[in-house]
Amino acid sequence: MENNSSRALSISGATRLYAVVGDPVAQVRAPSLLNPLFAALGLNSVLFPVHVRPDAFAEVFQGLRKTDNLDGILVTIPHKAAALGLADEVSPAAAASGAVNALRREPDGRWTGENFDGIGFVTGLTEAGHRPEGMRVTVVGSGGAGSAIAAALLSAGVARVSLYDPDTGRLDALVARLDAYWPGRAEGTRTPVFTDADLVVNATPLGMRADDPLPFDPRDLPPRCVVADVIMKPRETGLLRAAAALGHPVLYGAPMLDHQLDLYRTFFRLVEAVEAVEAVEPVEAGEAVAPEGTGQ
């Protein structure tokens, strides 16, 4: 099939839709990654951002799932935990983390939830030369991203994950879920534990805005501790800038998403979609286009 990147800009009545839902959404990179992928595959599909406040998320989600030409939903801050409860079924990885960041419409109309944040983060960490096996890790933030990262790190063999979140109810629930899968290797703390950490992860939204305070003081970290941030825009957050100035290796947020592209390709069954497009004769595709002035 001809690779036509301009196809992503050609929206028609037959275009299949994908949404990325968050609050805010101005920082999301998913459209700039997924739309070129759709175009490269020759699919008449588009991913668009949807800005939804937390108090409206359930209502908007129910509307989206009833949209017949919507095939998938990506979920970002702060809705990943809420999305878990709205999916019809979820993967073991999503259940362990208590959050989903991708949902797929099934042929029967049900929605399946998955979480790729954790494996995307671990892949980026490993490719940066930091192997997780045996690491002692502190994760600040137990929301959707933090919970997924904690679960993936435990699965990858870290020795211990210490989690901190001022929302103690959410924190305790996450530790209980993780302990069911990896007994004795996850702990919740009322203050962040940095003393012997090999890796510290900011999994909070702090750093998205220029006037945000630092989520923690990098001067409290042990020497050469790796500092990672899940925030993708700006690329260099205040935390990473301060940590690098103190000599800490840093890990940017973008690789967590970049390494999810192949996972999305499989999860959303894009290969099958390409095969379905290729099976349609060109004349059939032409006949499906309404004459000018007859459509909406």
Protein backbone atom coordinates (compact mmCIF):
# COMPACT_ATOMS: atom_id res chain seq x y z
CA MET A 1 0.00 0.00 0.00
CA GLU A 2 1.26 3.47 -0.82
CA ASN A 3 2.64 5.38 2.17
CA ASN A 4 0.87 8.73 2.09
CA SER A 5 1.52 10.81 5.20
CA SER A 6 -0.89 13.52 4.03
CA ARG A 7 -3.75 11.10 4.49
CA ALA A 8 -3.80 11.92 8.22
CA LEU A 9 -5.09 15.38 7.31
CA SER A 10 -7.91 14.09 5.12
CA ILE A 11 -10.96 13.64 7.35
CA SER A 12 -14.06 12.07 5.84
CA GLY A 13 -17.27 10.49 7.02
CA ALA A 14 -15.47 7.13 6.99
CA THR A 15 -12.66 8.26 9.31
CA ARG A 16 -12.23 6.06 12.40
CA LEU A 17 -11.69 8.02 15.61
CA TYR A 18 -9.40 7.70 18.62
CA ALA A 19 -9.41 10.10 21.58
CA VAL A 20 -6.82 11.02 24.19
CA VAL A 21 -8.54 12.28 27.33
CA GLY A 22 -6.91 14.32 30.08
CA ASP A 23 -6.83 17.47 32.21
CA PRO A 24 -4.93 19.31 30.83
CA VAL A 25 -4.27 18.03 27.29
CA ALA A 26 -2.13 20.80 25.77
CA GLN A 27 0.99 18.84 26.72
CA VAL A 28 0.02 15.45 25.26
CA ARG A 29 2.31 14.01 22.58
CA ALA A 30 0.12 11.09 21.56
CA PRO A 31 -1.47 12.85 18.52
CA SER A 32 1.95 13.69 17.08
CA LEU A 33 2.98 10.05 17.40
CA LEU A 34 -0.18 8.10 16.58
CA ASN A 35 -1.45 10.19 13.66
CA PRO A 36 1.79 9.75 11.65
CA LEU A 37 1.57 6.03 12.44
CA PHE A 38 -1.99 5.87 11.09
CA ALA A 39 -0.83 7.70 7.96
CA ALA A 40 2.19 5.45 7.49
CA LEU A 41 -0.09 2.41 7.71
CA GLY A 42 -2.52 3.95 5.23
CA LEU A 43 -5.39 4.00 7.72
CA ASN A 44 -8.20 6.54 7.57
CA SER A 45 -7.98 7.18 11.32
CA VAL A 46 -7.24 10.17 13.52
CA LEU A 47 -6.41 10.68 17.20
CA PHE A 48 -7.72 13.91 18.75
CA PRO A 49 -7.36 15.47 22.23
CA VAL A 50 -10.32 15.81 24.60
CA HIS A 51 -9.96 18.11 27.62
CA VAL A 52 -12.16 16.80 30.45
CA ARG A 53 -12.29 17.94 34.07
CA PRO A 54 -12.37 15.17 36.70
CA ASP A 55 -15.97 15.85 37.72
CA ALA A 56 -17.11 15.29 34.12
CA PHE A 57 -14.92 12.33 33.22
CA ALA A 58 -17.45 9.56 33.82
CA GLU A 59 -20.12 11.38 31.81
CA VAL A 60 -17.78 12.13 28.89
CA PHE A 61 -16.39 8.60 28.90
CA GLN A 62 -19.88 7.11 28.67
CA GLY A 63 -20.58 9.38 25.70
CA LEU A 64 -17.35 8.42 23.96
CA ARG A 65 -17.91 4.70 24.40
CA LYS A 66 -21.32 5.04 22.72
CA THR A 67 -19.75 6.74 19.68
CA ASP A 68 -19.88 4.01 17.04
CA ASN A 69 -16.95 5.23 14.94
CA LEU A 70 -14.64 5.59 17.97
CA ASP A 71 -12.26 2.61 18.19
CA GLY A 72 -9.97 3.56 21.05
CA ILE A 73 -9.32 5.90 23.95
CA LEU A 74 -5.99 6.90 25.47
CA VAL A 75 -6.15 8.20 29.03
CA THR A 76 -3.73 10.59 30.69
CA ILE A 77 -3.46 12.61 33.92
CA PRO A 78 -5.58 12.58 36.09
CA HIS A 79 -8.11 10.03 34.78
CA LYS A 80 -6.20 6.74 34.64
CA ALA A 81 -7.52 5.35 37.92
CA ALA A 82 -11.10 6.41 37.16
CA ALA A 83 -10.89 4.77 33.72
CA LEU A 84 -10.15 1.41 35.32
CA GLY A 85 -13.56 1.34 36.96
CA LEU A 86 -15.33 2.24 33.71
CA ALA A 87 -13.76 -0.47 31.54
CA ASP A 88 -15.70 -3.69 31.01
CA GLU A 89 -12.57 -5.76 31.54
CA VAL A 90 -8.91 -5.04 32.22
CA SER A 91 -5.58 -6.83 31.89
CA PRO A 92 -3.67 -8.22 34.91
CA ALA A 93 -1.13 -5.38 34.57
CA ALA A 94 -3.90 -2.79 34.74
CA ALA A 95 -5.55 -4.56 37.68
CA ALA A 96 -2.28 -4.65 39.63
CA SER A 97 -1.62 -0.96 39.03
CA GLY A 98 -5.24 0.08 39.53
CA ALA A 99 -5.21 2.24 36.39
CA VAL A 100 -5.53 2.08 32.62
CA ASN A 101 -4.08 4.35 29.95
CA ALA A 102 -5.60 2.70 26.87
CA LEU A 103 -9.03 1.28 26.08
CA ARG A 104 -10.07 -0.67 23.00
CA ARG A 105 -13.56 -1.22 21.61
CA GLU A 106 -14.24 -4.93 21.09
CA PRO A 107 -16.43 -6.22 18.23
CA ASP A 108 -19.31 -6.75 20.67
CA GLY A 109 -19.11 -3.13 21.90
CA ARG A 110 -17.37 -3.89 25.19
CA TRP A 111 -14.27 -1.92 26.20
CA THR A 112 -11.01 -3.56 27.28
CA GLY A 113 -8.51 -1.58 29.37
CA GLU A 114 -4.72 -1.93 29.42
CA ASN A 115 -1.84 -0.02 30.99
CA PHE A 116 1.36 0.52 29.02
CA ASP A 117 2.93 3.28 31.13
CA GLY A 118 4.89 0.87 33.27
CA ILE A 119 6.46 -1.23 30.54
CA GLY A 120 7.16 1.91 28.51
CA PHE A 121 9.00 3.41 31.49
CA VAL A 122 11.01 0.24 32.21
CA THR A 123 12.02 -0.08 28.54
CA GLY A 124 13.24 3.53 28.51
CA LEU A 125 15.10 3.01 31.80
CA THR A 126 16.85 -0.10 30.48
CA GLU A 127 17.76 1.46 27.14
CA ALA A 128 19.31 4.38 29.03
CA GLY A 129 21.69 1.86 30.64
CA HIS A 130 19.97 1.48 34.02
CA ARG A 131 18.96 -2.12 34.61
CA PRO A 132 16.14 -2.41 37.16
CA GLU A 133 17.13 -5.76 38.69
CA GLY A 134 17.97 -5.32 42.37
CA MET A 135 17.31 -1.56 42.40
CA ARG A 136 15.85 0.21 45.42
CA VAL A 137 13.27 2.63 44.05
CA THR A 138 11.24 5.51 45.43
CA VAL A 139 8.15 6.60 43.50
CA VAL A 140 6.59 9.94 44.44
CA GLY A 141 2.92 9.84 43.44
CA SER A 142 0.57 6.84 43.51
CA GLY A 143 -1.84 7.89 40.77
CA GLY A 144 -2.18 6.22 37.38
CA ALA A 145 1.41 6.70 36.20
CA GLY A 146 3.02 6.00 39.56
CA SER A 147 1.02 2.82 40.14
CA ALA A 148 1.79 1.46 36.65
CA ILE A 149 5.50 2.24 37.00
CA ALA A 150 5.66 0.61 40.44
CA ALA A 151 4.00 -2.56 39.17
CA ALA A 152 6.25 -2.77 36.11
CA LEU A 153 9.42 -2.19 38.15
CA LEU A 154 8.47 -4.94 40.59
CA SER A 155 7.76 -7.26 37.69
CA ALA A 156 11.17 -6.36 36.24
CA GLY A 157 12.95 -7.43 39.42
CA VAL A 158 13.62 -4.36 41.57
CA ALA A 159 14.39 -5.23 45.17
CA ARG A 160 12.03 -2.70 46.72
CA VAL A 161 9.61 0.07 45.81
CA SER A 162 8.86 2.77 48.38
CA LEU A 163 5.83 4.85 47.50
CA TYR A 164 4.86 8.25 48.80
CA ASP A 165 1.62 10.16 48.25
CA PRO A 166 -0.16 12.68 50.50
CA ASP A 167 -3.40 10.88 49.58
CA THR A 168 -2.88 8.08 52.11
CA GLY A 169 -6.06 6.24 51.16
CA ARG A 170 -4.96 5.93 47.53
CA LEU A 171 -1.43 5.05 48.63
CA ASP A 172 -2.54 2.27 50.97
CA ALA A 173 -4.84 0.78 48.33
CA LEU A 174 -1.98 0.66 45.81
CA VAL A 175 0.41 -0.99 48.28
CA ALA A 176 -2.24 -3.62 49.07
CA ARG A 177 -2.69 -4.41 45.37
CA LEU A 178 1.04 -4.63 44.74
CA ASP A 179 1.58 -6.78 47.83
CA ALA A 180 -0.90 -9.32 46.45
CA TYR A 181 1.37 -9.83 43.43
CA TRP A 182 4.83 -9.15 44.95
CA PRO A 183 4.59 -9.82 48.70
CA GLY A 184 6.84 -7.74 50.93
CA ARG A 185 8.52 -5.71 48.18
CA ALA A 186 6.30 -2.60 48.14
CA GLU A 187 5.86 -0.18 51.00
CA GLY A 188 3.93 3.02 51.51
CA THR A 189 5.58 5.81 53.49
CA ARG A 190 4.22 8.98 55.07
CA THR A 191 7.34 10.87 53.97
CA PRO A 192 9.46 10.13 50.89
CA VAL A 193 12.33 7.67 51.50
CA PHE A 194 15.49 8.69 49.65
CA THR A 195 18.31 7.46 51.91
CA ASP A 196 19.43 4.41 49.90
CA ALA A 197 17.48 4.92 46.67
CA ASP A 198 19.06 3.93 43.36
CA LEU A 199 16.19 5.47 41.39
CA VAL A 200 13.64 8.14 42.30
CA VAL A 201 10.64 8.77 40.04
CA ASN A 202 8.42 11.84 39.99
CA ALA A 203 5.02 10.47 39.04
CA THR A 204 3.10 13.63 39.97
CA PRO A 205 1.94 16.48 37.69
CA LEU A 206 4.33 18.90 39.42
CA GLY A 207 6.62 20.32 36.76
CA MET A 208 4.13 20.81 33.96
CA ARG A 209 3.89 24.52 34.72
CA ALA A 210 6.81 26.90 35.08
CA ASP A 211 5.67 28.05 38.54
CA ASP A 212 5.19 24.54 39.98
CA PRO A 213 7.23 23.73 43.09
CA LEU A 214 9.62 20.79 42.91
CA PRO A 215 7.96 17.50 43.92
CA PHE A 216 10.96 16.86 46.20
CA ASP A 217 14.38 18.38 46.86
CA PRO A 218 17.10 16.61 44.83
CA ARG A 219 19.63 17.72 47.44
CA ASP A 220 18.12 15.00 49.67
CA LEU A 221 19.12 12.22 47.27
CA PRO A 222 22.17 9.97 47.61
CA PRO A 223 25.02 10.54 45.09
CA ARG A 224 24.48 9.16 41.55
CA CYS A 225 20.86 8.26 42.26
CA VAL A 226 18.96 8.25 38.94
CA VAL A 227 16.16 10.82 38.80
CA ALA A 228 13.26 10.21 36.42
CA ASP A 229 10.23 12.34 35.56
CA VAL A 230 7.05 11.18 33.85
CA ILE A 231 6.28 14.68 32.55
CA MET A 232 6.81 14.97 28.81
CA LYS A 233 6.29 18.70 28.27
CA PRO A 234 8.43 20.52 29.10
CA ARG A 235 11.13 17.98 28.29
CA GLU A 236 13.46 19.35 30.96
CA THR A 237 11.44 19.96 34.10
CA GLY A 238 12.70 22.01 37.01
CA LEU A 239 13.35 18.77 38.89
CA LEU A 240 15.49 17.25 36.15
CA ARG A 241 17.39 20.49 35.66
CA ALA A 242 18.16 20.73 39.38
CA ALA A 243 19.08 17.04 39.64
CA ALA A 244 21.41 17.19 36.63
CA ALA A 245 23.14 20.24 38.12
CA LEU A 246 23.89 18.11 41.19
CA GLY A 247 25.42 15.35 39.07
CA HIS A 248 22.51 12.91 39.03
CA PRO A 249 21.77 10.89 35.89
CA VAL A 250 18.31 11.92 34.66
CA LEU A 251 15.63 10.19 32.63
CA TYR A 252 13.17 12.30 30.63
CA GLY A 253 9.47 11.53 30.36
CA ALA A 254 9.20 11.15 26.57
CA PRO A 255 10.69 7.61 26.28
CA MET A 256 7.85 6.27 28.44
CA LEU A 257 5.45 7.12 25.60
CA ASP A 258 7.83 6.55 22.68
CA HIS A 259 8.30 2.91 23.65
CA GLN A 260 4.53 2.36 23.75
CA LEU A 261 4.00 2.83 20.00
CA ASP A 262 4.57 -0.80 19.08
CA LEU A 263 2.36 -1.84 21.99
CA TYR A 264 -0.44 0.42 20.72
CA ARG A 265 -0.05 -1.05 17.23
CA THR A 266 -0.80 -4.49 18.65
CA PHE A 267 -3.39 -3.47 21.24
CA PHE A 268 -5.51 -1.49 18.80
CA ARG A 269 -5.16 -4.27 16.17
CA LEU A 270 -3.84 -1.82 13.58
CA VAL A 271 -2.25 -4.60 11.53
CA GLU A 272 -5.65 -6.27 11.18
CA ALA A 273 -7.12 -2.89 10.21
CA VAL A 274 -4.52 -2.51 7.46
CA GLU A 275 -5.30 -5.98 6.14
CA ALA A 276 -9.00 -5.12 6.06
CA VAL A 277 -8.29 -1.94 4.07
CA GLU A 278 -6.10 -3.83 1.61
CA ALA A 279 -8.84 -6.40 1.08
CA VAL A 280 -11.21 -3.73 -0.29
CA GLU A 281 -11.07 -3.29 -4.06
CA PRO A 282 -10.28 0.30 -5.21
CA VAL A 283 -13.60 0.54 -7.08
CA GLU A 284 -15.46 -0.26 -3.88
CA ALA A 285 -13.63 2.50 -2.04
CA GLY A 286 -14.53 4.95 -4.81
CA GLU A 287 -18.19 3.99 -4.78
CA ALA A 288 -18.32 4.72 -1.05
CA VAL A 289 -17.57 8.41 -1.59
CA ALA A 290 -20.72 10.51 -1.86
CA PRO A 291 -20.95 13.08 -4.67
CA GLU A 292 -20.04 16.62 -3.69
CA GLY A 293 -22.86 18.42 -1.95
CA THR A 294 -24.76 15.30 -0.88
CA GLY A 295 -23.01 14.59 2.44
CA GLN A 296 -22.50 16.38 5.73
